[in-house]
Amino acid sequence: MTEGGKYSENDELDKHIKTQSARIGYYALMVLSAAVLFLSEGVTALNYIQNIPLAVVVGLTFIVAPITEFFYSRKFR
């Protein structure tokens, strides 16, 4: 923050870069965790997966981001 309580353009750019890189990193982690699940199980159908805890974690990666964004957006309304 600069004098007078205003943000500089560099602060805003840094914030934007951090937000976007965190989002990209999350989605990359989501895709990679799904790939690990399907490659480690050697199946393509969800019915034949035996590693249930890993399947639950992969499933949670698909619902955590939208739920978090929903509650975070409600904070600003």
Protein backbone atom coordinates (compact mmCIF):
# COMPACT_ATOMS: atom_id res chain seq x y z
CA MET A 1 0.00 0.00 0.00
CA THR A 2 1.26 3.47 -0.80
CA GLU A 3 0.75 6.68 1.14
CA GLY A 4 -2.88 7.66 1.55
CA GLY A 5 -4.07 4.06 1.67
CA LYS A 6 -4.19 3.55 -2.11
CA TYR A 7 -2.84 0.51 -3.90
CA SER A 8 -0.31 0.99 -6.63
CA GLU A 9 -0.65 -0.67 -10.02
CA ASN A 10 2.16 -3.07 -9.15
CA ASP A 11 0.27 -4.24 -6.05
CA GLU A 12 -2.83 -4.90 -8.13
CA LEU A 13 -0.81 -6.70 -10.80
CA ASP A 14 0.93 -8.84 -8.17
CA LYS A 15 -2.42 -9.71 -6.63
CA HIS A 16 -3.85 -10.64 -10.04
CA ILE A 17 -0.83 -12.79 -10.90
CA LYS A 18 -1.01 -14.63 -7.58
CA THR A 19 -4.75 -15.23 -7.93
CA GLN A 20 -4.47 -16.52 -11.49
CA SER A 21 -1.45 -18.71 -10.76
CA ALA A 22 -3.23 -20.22 -7.74
CA ARG A 23 -6.29 -20.98 -9.88
CA ILE A 24 -4.19 -22.52 -12.67
CA GLY A 25 -2.22 -24.55 -10.13
CA TYR A 26 -5.44 -25.85 -8.55
CA TYR A 27 -6.87 -26.98 -11.88
CA ALA A 28 -3.57 -28.57 -12.87
CA LEU A 29 -3.56 -30.46 -9.57
CA MET A 30 -7.15 -31.54 -10.22
CA VAL A 31 -6.32 -32.96 -13.65
CA LEU A 32 -3.14 -34.63 -12.42
CA SER A 33 -4.91 -36.26 -9.48
CA ALA A 34 -7.56 -37.68 -11.83
CA ALA A 35 -4.79 -38.95 -14.12
CA VAL A 36 -3.02 -40.61 -11.18
CA LEU A 37 -6.28 -42.26 -10.14
CA PHE A 38 -7.02 -43.71 -13.56
CA LEU A 39 -3.42 -44.68 -14.31
CA SER A 40 -2.88 -46.34 -10.92
CA GLU A 41 -6.12 -48.28 -11.17
CA GLY A 42 -5.65 -49.18 -14.82
CA VAL A 43 -9.35 -48.78 -15.53
CA THR A 44 -11.44 -46.28 -17.43
CA ALA A 45 -14.81 -47.03 -15.81
CA LEU A 46 -15.56 -45.62 -12.37
CA ASN A 47 -17.35 -48.85 -11.41
CA TYR A 48 -14.08 -50.81 -11.30
CA ILE A 49 -12.02 -48.46 -9.13
CA GLN A 50 -10.84 -50.16 -5.94
CA ASN A 51 -8.90 -47.28 -4.33
CA ILE A 52 -11.95 -45.55 -2.83
CA PRO A 53 -10.06 -42.96 -0.70
CA LEU A 54 -8.17 -41.70 -3.76
CA ALA A 55 -11.42 -41.60 -5.74
CA VAL A 56 -13.03 -39.52 -2.97
CA VAL A 57 -10.11 -37.07 -2.97
CA VAL A 58 -10.31 -36.70 -6.75
CA GLY A 59 -14.06 -36.17 -6.50
CA LEU A 60 -13.59 -33.52 -3.84
CA THR A 61 -11.19 -31.60 -6.07
CA PHE A 62 -14.05 -31.11 -8.53
CA ILE A 63 -16.47 -29.67 -5.96
CA VAL A 64 -14.24 -27.71 -3.55
CA ALA A 65 -13.38 -24.87 -5.96
CA PRO A 66 -16.98 -24.03 -6.99
CA ILE A 67 -18.21 -24.20 -3.40
CA THR A 68 -15.37 -22.00 -2.19
CA GLU A 69 -16.00 -19.46 -4.96
CA PHE A 70 -19.72 -19.42 -4.13
CA PHE A 71 -19.18 -18.64 -0.45
CA TYR A 72 -16.41 -16.16 -1.21
CA SER A 73 -18.64 -14.28 -3.68
CA ARG A 74 -21.43 -14.12 -1.08
CA LYS A 75 -19.00 -12.33 1.23
CA PHE A 76 -18.97 -9.35 -1.14
CA ARG A 77 -22.73 -9.07 -1.66
